[in-house]
């Protein structure tokens, strides 16, 4: 009897084991099937998405910027190209197909974000000046100049793009620190309409071996472990600096998702072009007056402030002039002053001076006495029909070099600011001879033709 009971128990155990094993196999097969379906649906959807992009491209219709970037690049894990990150994609190395043309200026793609928005950085410098007396980015001249704040004087760069919010969302950033070769990402997140290129942007792109190294000097949004400001040297290396040193500025914006491009393959000669429709942007366009070409730096309710796209010259010879023979104050009536030369020797002989309108030109003091505060340039201004660029004007022609700006460096000084094409600005004795880049203004209503390109400038008459 005992043997019979043992035999029955053994059979029951085998049945239970068979039942348990069967349940495990069922669950394993079920989960595997679900995972397989997820993979098929995901990659099938991706294939369909890319196929639809290619189909649209062949038909000549517009594509979204994020979609065409992903479609035109195979992901890489080493070398130059498009990399995958946790929440999107980013470019690294000597990339040659991430150029974007928007608002009359060239950008480079930094990354495609998880929501299909695209972060862009200016291809070149947009200005050059000192960080400011305070080391914090929040109160820096860079931030106040780039983005819109609650102060009406802020956002010089922001105002160069019409209908800004239609195309651009806020860019998130953190205050990162460089420790050796490692970037310690700041825990707190901030966001602005426009930000400076950051330490993490630069490192992620490949640093000195990446596409952001353009042999120029420019500030990075970030600090050393000892809270010193940092900038990029001409060789691409990152170096600490004094916050009162003047270096180049590069802007970063984030384009909204699903913005259409009208043409381009991302190369420098055929960049992706974001369609702005009827949102005409005069800033960064070219205007022909007589035999001269001017470039617009500001549009204030239809009054276009613009600088000569080159230097004053006579008979093909560049003109070099001192700023003054005594002080750094711009003066129309003082003999030997650059203001007197501009009015009586240059402007008076322009064959198109009747098209030039009066404008307000700020020249406020930028010195230790004023805390090197960007807002102080608006504390003084003069009304006139010709001037020089001030230190905080938006200037995208990075070929201009060794020319005087128009800011008071101190109330008793005999030095004036001079800027160079490599992104460096410094004080120079006012008696030294430099290039002259004049500034004038016209009314946009006087434009009668042309498209504003360098090869087809606006015509005025």
Protein backbone atom coordinates (compact mmCIF):
# COMPACT_ATOMS: atom_id res chain seq x y z
CA UNK A 1 0.00 0.00 0.00
CA UNK A 2 2.86 2.29 0.89
CA UNK A 3 4.42 1.73 -2.53
CA UNK A 4 1.12 2.57 -4.21
CA UNK A 5 0.80 5.86 -2.30
CA UNK A 6 4.37 6.86 -3.17
CA UNK A 7 3.65 6.18 -6.82
CA UNK A 8 0.55 8.39 -6.74
CA UNK A 9 2.44 11.22 -4.98
CA UNK A 10 5.18 11.05 -7.57
CA UNK A 11 2.62 11.34 -10.37
CA UNK A 12 0.98 14.34 -8.69
CA UNK A 13 4.33 16.11 -8.29
CA UNK A 14 5.12 15.45 -11.95
CA UNK A 15 1.75 16.87 -12.94
CA UNK A 16 2.29 20.02 -10.86
CA UNK A 17 5.79 20.43 -12.31
CA UNK A 18 4.42 19.94 -15.81
CA UNK A 19 1.74 22.52 -15.08
CA UNK A 20 4.28 25.03 -13.68
CA UNK A 21 6.69 24.50 -16.55
CA UNK A 22 3.84 24.94 -19.04
CA UNK A 23 2.79 28.22 -17.43
CA UNK A 24 6.38 29.52 -17.52
CA UNK A 25 6.72 28.59 -21.18
CA UNK A 26 3.40 30.30 -21.96
CA UNK A 27 4.42 33.49 -20.16
CA UNK A 28 7.86 33.47 -21.81
CA UNK A 29 6.35 32.99 -25.25
CA UNK A 30 3.71 35.65 -24.61
CA UNK A 31 6.25 38.24 -23.43
CA UNK A 32 8.56 37.40 -26.34
CA UNK A 33 5.68 37.87 -28.77
CA UNK A 34 4.79 41.25 -27.25
CA UNK A 35 8.40 42.40 -27.40
CA UNK A 36 8.69 41.22 -30.97
CA UNK A 37 5.53 43.13 -31.90
CA UNK A 38 6.86 46.28 -30.20
CA UNK A 39 10.16 46.01 -32.10
CA UNK A 40 8.35 45.40 -35.39
CA UNK A 41 5.94 48.28 -34.84
CA UNK A 42 8.72 50.65 -33.76
CA UNK A 43 11.14 49.92 -36.57
CA UNK A 44 8.33 49.48 -39.05
CA UNK A 45 7.02 52.88 -38.05
CA UNK A 46 10.49 54.37 -38.38
CA UNK A 47 10.89 52.84 -41.83
CA UNK A 48 7.50 54.17 -42.87
CA UNK A 49 8.42 57.61 -41.48
CA UNK A 50 11.73 57.74 -43.35
CA UNK A 51 10.10 56.36 -46.49
CA UNK A 52 7.47 59.10 -46.31
CA UNK A 53 10.25 61.69 -45.90
CA UNK A 54 12.03 60.35 -48.95
CA UNK A 55 8.79 60.28 -50.92
CA UNK A 56 8.04 63.87 -49.99
CA UNK A 57 11.56 64.88 -50.93
CA UNK A 58 11.22 63.33 -54.34
CA UNK A 59 7.93 65.14 -54.87
CA UNK A 60 9.61 68.44 -53.98
CA UNK A 61 7.43 69.19 -50.95
CA UNK A 62 8.73 70.74 -47.74
CA UNK A 63 10.15 68.63 -44.92
CA UNK A 64 10.51 69.19 -41.22
CA UNK A 65 13.99 70.25 -40.12
CA UNK A 66 14.30 67.52 -37.49
CA UNK A 67 13.03 64.83 -39.85
CA UNK A 68 15.40 65.63 -42.69
CA UNK A 69 18.40 65.83 -40.33
CA UNK A 70 17.68 62.34 -39.00
CA UNK A 71 16.85 61.03 -42.46
CA UNK A 72 20.04 62.36 -44.05
CA UNK A 73 22.44 60.98 -41.44
CA UNK A 74 23.37 57.44 -40.47
CA UNK A 75 24.05 57.12 -36.76
CA UNK A 76 27.67 56.60 -35.77
CA UNK A 77 29.38 55.45 -32.59
CA UNK A 78 32.86 56.70 -33.46
CA UNK A 79 34.31 59.39 -35.70
CA UNK A 80 32.43 62.33 -37.22
CA UNK A 81 28.67 62.40 -37.58
CA UNK A 82 25.33 62.12 -35.84
CA UNK A 83 25.28 60.36 -32.46
CA UNK A 84 22.35 59.03 -30.43
CA UNK A 85 21.87 60.34 -26.92
CA UNK A 86 19.34 59.46 -24.24
CA UNK A 87 16.84 62.07 -25.34
CA UNK A 88 17.68 62.73 -28.98
CA UNK A 89 20.67 63.13 -31.30
CA UNK A 90 23.75 65.36 -31.48
CA UNK A 91 26.52 66.14 -33.97
CA UNK A 92 30.16 65.54 -33.13
CA UNK A 93 33.46 65.95 -34.95
CA UNK A 94 34.32 67.62 -38.26
CA UNK A 95 30.75 67.56 -39.53
CA UNK A 96 30.06 69.19 -42.90
CA UNK A 97 26.32 68.70 -43.38
CA UNK A 98 24.71 70.47 -40.39
CA UNK A 99 24.41 74.01 -41.76
CA UNK A 100 21.08 75.86 -41.43
CA UNK A 101 20.12 79.20 -42.98
CA UNK A 102 17.60 81.14 -40.92
CA UNK A 103 16.76 84.85 -40.57
CA UNK A 104 19.47 85.87 -43.08
CA UNK A 105 22.27 84.15 -41.16
CA UNK A 106 24.05 80.82 -40.91
CA UNK A 107 23.75 78.40 -38.01
CA UNK A 108 25.06 74.92 -37.21
CA UNK A 109 22.93 72.13 -35.76
CA UNK A 110 23.98 71.15 -32.25
CA UNK A 111 21.29 68.57 -31.58
CA UNK A 112 17.83 67.22 -32.30
CA UNK A 113 15.86 66.94 -29.08
CA UNK A 114 13.38 64.29 -27.99
CA UNK A 115 10.40 66.48 -28.94
CA UNK A 116 11.89 67.07 -32.43
CA UNK A 117 12.95 70.63 -31.65
CA UNK A 118 16.41 71.50 -33.01
CA UNK A 119 19.14 73.40 -31.16
CA UNK A 120 21.23 75.72 -33.36
CA UNK A 121 24.39 77.71 -32.71
CA UNK A 122 25.55 80.70 -34.73
CA UNK A 123 28.14 79.65 -37.28
CA UNK A 124 30.32 82.60 -36.34
CA UNK A 125 30.52 85.37 -33.78
CA UNK A 126 27.55 87.70 -33.33
CA UNK A 127 29.43 90.28 -31.27
CA UNK A 128 32.42 90.65 -28.95
CA UNK A 129 32.56 92.31 -25.54
CA UNK A 130 33.34 91.69 -21.88
CA UNK A 131 31.37 89.21 -19.73
CA UNK A 132 30.82 91.91 -17.09
CA UNK A 133 31.76 92.81 -13.57
CA UNK A 134 29.66 90.01 -12.06
CA UNK A 135 30.74 86.45 -12.83
CA UNK A 136 27.20 85.04 -12.68
CA UNK A 137 25.67 84.34 -16.08
CA UNK A 138 22.30 85.64 -14.91
CA UNK A 139 23.61 89.21 -14.64
CA UNK A 140 26.26 89.02 -17.34
CA UNK A 141 26.39 91.37 -20.32
CA UNK A 142 26.18 88.30 -22.52
CA UNK A 143 22.81 87.17 -21.19
CA UNK A 144 21.34 90.68 -21.04
CA UNK A 145 22.46 91.34 -24.63
CA UNK A 146 21.31 88.01 -26.06
CA UNK A 147 17.90 87.40 -24.54
CA UNK A 148 14.79 89.31 -23.59
CA UNK A 149 14.35 90.04 -19.87
CA UNK A 150 12.00 92.32 -17.95
CA UNK A 151 14.26 95.24 -18.89
CA UNK A 152 13.27 96.92 -22.17
CA UNK A 153 16.92 97.55 -23.04
CA UNK A 154 17.76 93.84 -23.03
CA UNK A 155 17.70 91.42 -25.95
CA UNK A 156 19.66 93.22 -28.69
CA UNK A 157 20.18 89.89 -30.45
CA UNK A 158 16.62 88.72 -29.72
CA UNK A 159 15.25 91.73 -31.57
CA UNK A 160 17.20 90.92 -34.75
CA UNK A 161 14.78 88.05 -35.52
CA UNK A 162 11.19 89.01 -36.49
CA UNK A 163 8.26 87.09 -34.95
CA UNK A 164 10.73 85.34 -32.68
CA UNK A 165 8.20 83.21 -30.77
CA UNK A 166 6.70 81.89 -34.00
CA UNK A 167 9.85 79.91 -34.76
CA UNK A 168 11.84 79.60 -31.56
CA UNK A 169 11.17 78.06 -28.14
CA UNK A 170 13.13 78.68 -24.96
CA UNK A 171 16.50 76.94 -24.66
CA UNK A 172 17.28 75.06 -21.48
CA UNK A 173 20.74 75.37 -19.93
CA UNK A 174 22.65 74.70 -16.74
CA UNK A 175 25.71 76.21 -15.08
CA UNK A 176 28.34 73.54 -15.70
CA UNK A 177 31.89 73.34 -14.42
CA UNK A 178 35.05 72.00 -16.01
CA UNK A 179 37.22 69.83 -13.79
CA UNK A 180 40.20 68.53 -15.76
CA UNK A 181 38.69 66.96 -18.86
CA UNK A 182 35.36 66.26 -17.17
CA UNK A 183 32.25 68.40 -17.31
CA UNK A 184 30.17 68.46 -14.13
CA UNK A 185 26.63 69.28 -15.23
CA UNK A 186 24.84 71.81 -13.04
CA UNK A 187 21.88 70.35 -11.18
CA UNK A 188 19.60 73.37 -11.60
CA UNK A 189 18.03 74.05 -15.00
CA UNK A 190 17.27 77.46 -16.48
CA UNK A 191 15.79 78.61 -19.79
CA UNK A 192 16.00 81.73 -21.97
CA UNK A 193 14.90 82.70 -25.48
CA UNK A 194 18.57 82.94 -26.50
CA UNK A 195 21.60 81.65 -24.62
CA UNK A 196 25.35 81.61 -25.07
CA UNK A 197 27.10 78.54 -26.38
CA UNK A 198 27.84 76.40 -23.33
CA UNK A 199 30.77 74.41 -22.05
CA UNK A 200 28.81 71.19 -22.49
CA UNK A 201 27.81 72.15 -26.08
CA UNK A 202 31.46 72.61 -26.97
CA UNK A 203 32.72 69.43 -25.32
CA UNK A 204 29.89 67.32 -26.72
CA UNK A 205 30.66 68.55 -30.26
CA UNK A 206 34.23 67.26 -30.01
CA UNK A 207 35.92 70.31 -28.51
CA UNK A 208 38.98 71.41 -30.46
CA UNK A 209 38.42 68.48 -32.84
CA UNK A 210 34.80 69.38 -33.49
CA UNK A 211 32.87 71.62 -35.88
CA UNK A 212 32.54 74.43 -33.31
CA UNK A 213 36.27 75.16 -33.38
CA UNK A 214 36.44 77.99 -35.92
CA UNK A 215 39.82 79.49 -34.90
CA UNK A 216 38.06 82.35 -33.11
CA UNK A 217 38.03 83.49 -29.49
CA UNK A 218 34.64 83.15 -27.80
CA UNK A 219 33.14 82.87 -24.34
CA UNK A 220 31.57 79.63 -23.08
CA UNK A 221 28.67 79.51 -20.67
CA UNK A 222 30.37 77.66 -17.83
CA UNK A 223 33.12 77.88 -15.25
CA UNK A 224 36.24 76.18 -13.98
CA UNK A 225 36.05 74.25 -10.72
CA UNK A 226 37.36 77.44 -9.09
CA UNK A 227 34.45 79.48 -10.55
CA UNK A 228 36.56 81.28 -13.15
CA UNK A 229 35.02 82.27 -16.48
CA UNK A 230 36.17 80.36 -19.55
CA UNK A 231 36.60 80.94 -23.26
CA UNK A 232 37.84 79.10 -26.35
CA UNK A 233 41.30 79.95 -27.67
CA UNK A 234 42.12 80.21 -31.39
CA UNK A 235 43.56 76.68 -31.30
CA UNK A 236 40.29 75.36 -29.88
CA UNK A 237 41.48 74.81 -26.32
CA UNK A 238 39.43 75.93 -23.32
CA UNK A 239 41.10 78.49 -21.05
CA UNK A 240 40.11 80.38 -17.91
CA UNK A 241 39.91 84.16 -18.16
CA UNK A 242 39.12 87.38 -16.38
CA UNK A 243 35.44 88.31 -16.64
CA UNK A 244 36.43 91.79 -17.84
CA UNK A 245 38.29 90.43 -20.87
CA UNK A 246 36.48 90.96 -24.18
CA UNK A 247 35.90 87.92 -26.40
CA UNK A 248 33.46 86.78 -29.05
CA UNK A 249 29.85 85.76 -28.42
CA UNK A 250 28.03 82.87 -30.13
CA UNK A 251 24.27 82.54 -29.83
CA UNK A 252 22.22 79.37 -29.28
CA UNK A 253 18.50 79.08 -30.11
CA UNK A 254 16.07 76.16 -30.22
CA UNK A 255 13.82 75.90 -33.26
CA UNK A 256 10.31 74.61 -32.64
CA UNK A 257 9.43 71.10 -33.79
CA UNK A 258 8.10 70.43 -37.28
CA UNK A 259 9.41 73.67 -38.79
CA UNK A 260 9.60 73.23 -42.53
CA UNK A 261 12.68 73.65 -44.68
CA UNK A 262 12.23 74.79 -48.25
CA UNK A 263 15.54 73.55 -49.65
CA UNK A 264 19.07 72.41 -48.89
CA UNK A 265 21.17 69.36 -48.05
CA UNK A 266 22.91 70.78 -44.99
CA UNK A 267 26.22 71.64 -46.66
CA UNK A 268 27.76 75.10 -46.37
CA UNK A 269 26.96 75.95 -50.01
CA UNK A 270 23.45 74.49 -49.82
CA UNK A 271 22.29 74.74 -46.19
CA UNK A 272 18.90 73.69 -44.90
CA UNK A 273 16.75 76.80 -45.31
CA UNK A 274 13.95 77.39 -42.84
CA UNK A 275 10.93 78.86 -44.58
CA UNK A 276 9.94 82.18 -42.96
CA UNK A 277 7.17 82.93 -45.41
CA UNK A 278 6.28 86.62 -45.38
CA UNK A 279 8.26 87.38 -42.22
CA UNK A 280 10.79 89.58 -43.96
CA UNK A 281 13.93 90.21 -41.94
CA UNK A 282 15.91 93.27 -42.94
CA UNK A 283 18.64 92.63 -40.36
CA UNK A 284 21.69 91.00 -41.96
CA UNK A 285 20.48 91.93 -45.42
CA UNK A 286 22.60 93.98 -47.84
CA UNK A 287 21.70 97.38 -49.26
CA UNK A 288 23.36 99.09 -52.21
CA UNK A 289 23.74 102.85 -52.10
CA UNK A 290 25.70 104.33 -54.98
CA UNK A 291 28.74 102.09 -55.36
CA UNK A 292 28.72 101.07 -51.69
CA UNK A 293 27.28 97.98 -50.01
CA UNK A 294 25.92 98.33 -46.46
CA UNK A 295 24.78 95.63 -44.04
CA UNK A 296 21.77 96.10 -41.75
CA UNK A 297 22.37 95.60 -38.02
CA UNK A 298 19.12 96.91 -36.56
CA UNK A 299 15.52 97.52 -37.60
CA UNK A 300 13.74 99.95 -35.30
CA UNK A 301 10.20 100.42 -36.58
CA UNK A 302 11.34 100.65 -40.18
CA UNK A 303 14.45 102.73 -39.55
CA UNK A 304 17.35 100.54 -40.66
CA UNK A 305 20.72 101.13 -38.99
CA UNK A 306 23.53 99.71 -41.09
CA UNK A 307 27.30 99.62 -41.26
CA UNK A 308 29.54 99.75 -44.32
CA UNK A 309 30.32 96.21 -45.44
CA UNK A 310 34.01 97.03 -45.46
CA UNK A 311 36.18 100.05 -44.63
CA UNK A 312 36.15 103.62 -45.86
CA UNK A 313 38.48 103.82 -48.86
CA UNK A 314 39.38 106.26 -51.61
CA UNK A 315 40.49 105.16 -55.07
CA UNK A 316 40.83 101.59 -53.82
CA UNK A 317 43.05 102.56 -50.87
CA UNK A 318 41.80 101.90 -47.33
CA UNK A 319 41.66 104.96 -45.10
CA UNK A 320 43.27 104.82 -41.66
CA UNK A 321 42.47 107.51 -39.11
CA UNK A 322 43.09 108.20 -35.41
CA UNK A 323 39.99 108.43 -33.25
CA UNK A 324 41.05 111.79 -31.87
CA UNK A 325 44.15 113.77 -31.02
CA UNK A 326 43.11 114.40 -27.43
CA UNK A 327 40.30 112.24 -25.90
CA UNK A 328 37.80 109.44 -26.51
CA UNK A 329 34.68 111.57 -26.92
CA UNK A 330 32.97 111.46 -30.32
CA UNK A 331 32.57 115.04 -31.52
CA UNK A 332 31.25 116.41 -34.82
CA UNK A 333 32.72 119.89 -34.34
CA UNK A 334 36.20 119.16 -32.96
CA UNK A 335 38.96 119.26 -35.57
CA UNK A 336 41.00 116.03 -35.57
CA UNK A 337 38.10 114.03 -34.13
CA UNK A 338 36.74 111.05 -36.06
CA UNK A 339 33.24 112.56 -35.81
CA UNK A 340 34.40 115.72 -37.56
CA UNK A 341 36.03 113.66 -40.31
CA UNK A 342 32.91 111.54 -40.85
CA UNK A 343 30.62 114.55 -41.21
CA UNK A 344 32.81 116.97 -43.16
CA UNK A 345 34.96 114.66 -45.27
CA UNK A 346 32.96 111.47 -45.73
CA UNK A 347 29.22 112.11 -45.36
CA UNK A 348 29.29 115.47 -47.12
CA UNK A 349 30.71 113.83 -50.25
CA UNK A 350 28.27 110.89 -50.40
CA UNK A 351 26.16 111.10 -53.57
CA UNK A 352 23.21 109.48 -51.75
CA UNK A 353 23.22 111.49 -48.52
CA UNK A 354 19.65 112.70 -49.18
CA UNK A 355 18.48 109.11 -48.53
CA UNK A 356 20.14 108.99 -45.10
CA UNK A 357 17.95 109.80 -42.08
CA UNK A 358 18.86 110.99 -38.61
CA UNK A 359 19.00 108.37 -35.89
CA UNK A 360 19.90 108.04 -32.23
CA UNK A 361 23.35 106.54 -31.62
CA UNK A 362 24.23 105.45 -28.06
CA UNK A 363 27.78 105.87 -26.80
CA UNK A 364 27.50 105.51 -23.02
CA UNK A 365 30.53 104.83 -20.86
CA UNK A 366 31.78 101.27 -20.50
CA UNK A 367 34.35 101.27 -17.71
CA UNK A 368 35.12 100.20 -14.16
CA UNK A 369 33.35 103.35 -12.94
CA UNK A 370 30.09 102.10 -14.45
CA UNK A 371 30.61 98.44 -13.53
CA UNK A 372 31.06 97.50 -17.21
CA UNK A 373 27.27 97.28 -17.35
CA UNK A 374 25.78 96.79 -20.82
CA UNK A 375 22.75 98.95 -20.03
CA UNK A 376 24.96 101.98 -19.42
CA UNK A 377 25.68 102.44 -23.13
CA UNK A 378 22.18 103.94 -23.38
CA UNK A 379 22.92 106.58 -20.75
CA UNK A 380 24.35 108.85 -23.48
CA UNK A 381 23.44 109.20 -27.11
CA UNK A 382 23.47 111.77 -29.86
CA UNK A 383 21.21 112.48 -32.80
CA UNK A 384 22.92 112.54 -36.14
CA UNK A 385 23.18 111.08 -39.62
CA UNK A 386 26.48 109.21 -39.29
CA UNK A 387 28.41 107.47 -36.53
CA UNK A 388 30.54 104.44 -35.67
CA UNK A 389 29.48 101.05 -34.35
CA UNK A 390 29.31 100.88 -30.57
CA UNK A 391 30.75 97.91 -28.69
CA UNK A 392 27.34 96.25 -28.24
CA UNK A 393 25.96 96.56 -31.76
CA UNK A 394 25.06 93.32 -33.50
CA UNK A 395 27.71 92.76 -36.18
CA UNK A 396 27.79 89.58 -38.25
CA UNK A 397 30.57 90.55 -40.67
CA UNK A 398 33.45 88.80 -38.95
CA UNK A 399 35.94 89.86 -41.60
CA UNK A 400 36.07 93.40 -40.25
CA UNK A 401 39.15 93.92 -38.08
CA UNK A 402 41.22 96.55 -36.28
CA UNK A 403 38.58 99.29 -36.31
CA UNK A 404 37.38 101.79 -33.71
CA UNK A 405 34.12 101.41 -31.79
CA UNK A 406 32.23 104.32 -30.27
CA UNK A 407 31.96 103.98 -26.48
CA UNK A 408 33.44 106.11 -23.76
CA UNK A 409 36.00 104.00 -21.87
CA UNK A 410 36.19 106.53 -19.03
CA UNK A 411 35.29 110.17 -18.59
CA UNK A 412 38.94 111.24 -18.60
CA UNK A 413 40.51 108.62 -20.84
CA UNK A 414 42.49 108.83 -24.04
CA UNK A 415 41.85 105.22 -25.13
CA UNK A 416 39.04 103.77 -27.25
CA UNK A 417 37.77 100.24 -27.93
CA UNK A 418 39.09 98.44 -30.99
CA UNK A 419 37.87 95.03 -32.19
CA UNK A 420 39.47 92.33 -34.33
CA UNK A 421 38.15 89.61 -36.59
CA UNK A 422 39.41 86.82 -34.30
CA UNK A 423 36.94 87.86 -31.57
CA UNK A 424 39.19 90.01 -29.41
CA UNK A 425 38.42 93.55 -28.27
CA UNK A 426 40.84 95.83 -26.48
CA UNK A 427 41.52 99.45 -25.58
CA UNK A 428 43.78 101.43 -27.93
CA UNK A 429 45.34 104.88 -27.73
CA UNK A 430 43.03 107.28 -29.59
CA UNK A 431 45.98 108.67 -31.55
CA UNK A 432 46.67 105.35 -33.30
CA UNK A 433 45.41 105.05 -36.86
CA UNK A 434 42.77 102.38 -37.44
CA UNK A 435 40.24 101.28 -40.05
CA UNK A 436 36.99 103.24 -40.12
CA UNK A 437 33.60 101.48 -40.38
CA UNK A 438 30.85 104.14 -40.59
CA UNK A 439 27.21 103.67 -39.58
CA UNK A 440 24.20 105.35 -41.19
CA UNK A 441 20.42 104.84 -41.23
CA UNK A 442 17.74 104.82 -43.90
CA UNK A 443 13.97 104.36 -43.96
CA UNK A 444 12.90 100.90 -45.15
CA UNK A 445 10.18 102.59 -47.22
CA UNK A 446 12.90 103.84 -49.56
CA UNK A 447 13.75 100.29 -50.69
CA UNK A 448 12.53 99.83 -54.27
CA UNK A 449 13.99 96.51 -55.42
CA UNK A 450 16.39 93.65 -54.89
CA UNK A 451 16.27 90.67 -52.50
CA UNK A 452 18.75 91.75 -49.84
CA UNK A 453 21.38 89.14 -50.71
CA UNK A 454 25.01 90.03 -51.27
CA UNK A 455 24.61 89.07 -54.94
CA UNK A 456 21.24 90.88 -55.22
CA UNK A 457 21.21 93.67 -52.62
CA UNK A 458 18.25 95.89 -51.90
CA UNK A 459 18.16 98.96 -54.11
CA UNK A 460 17.13 102.30 -52.65
CA UNK A 461 15.70 105.29 -54.43
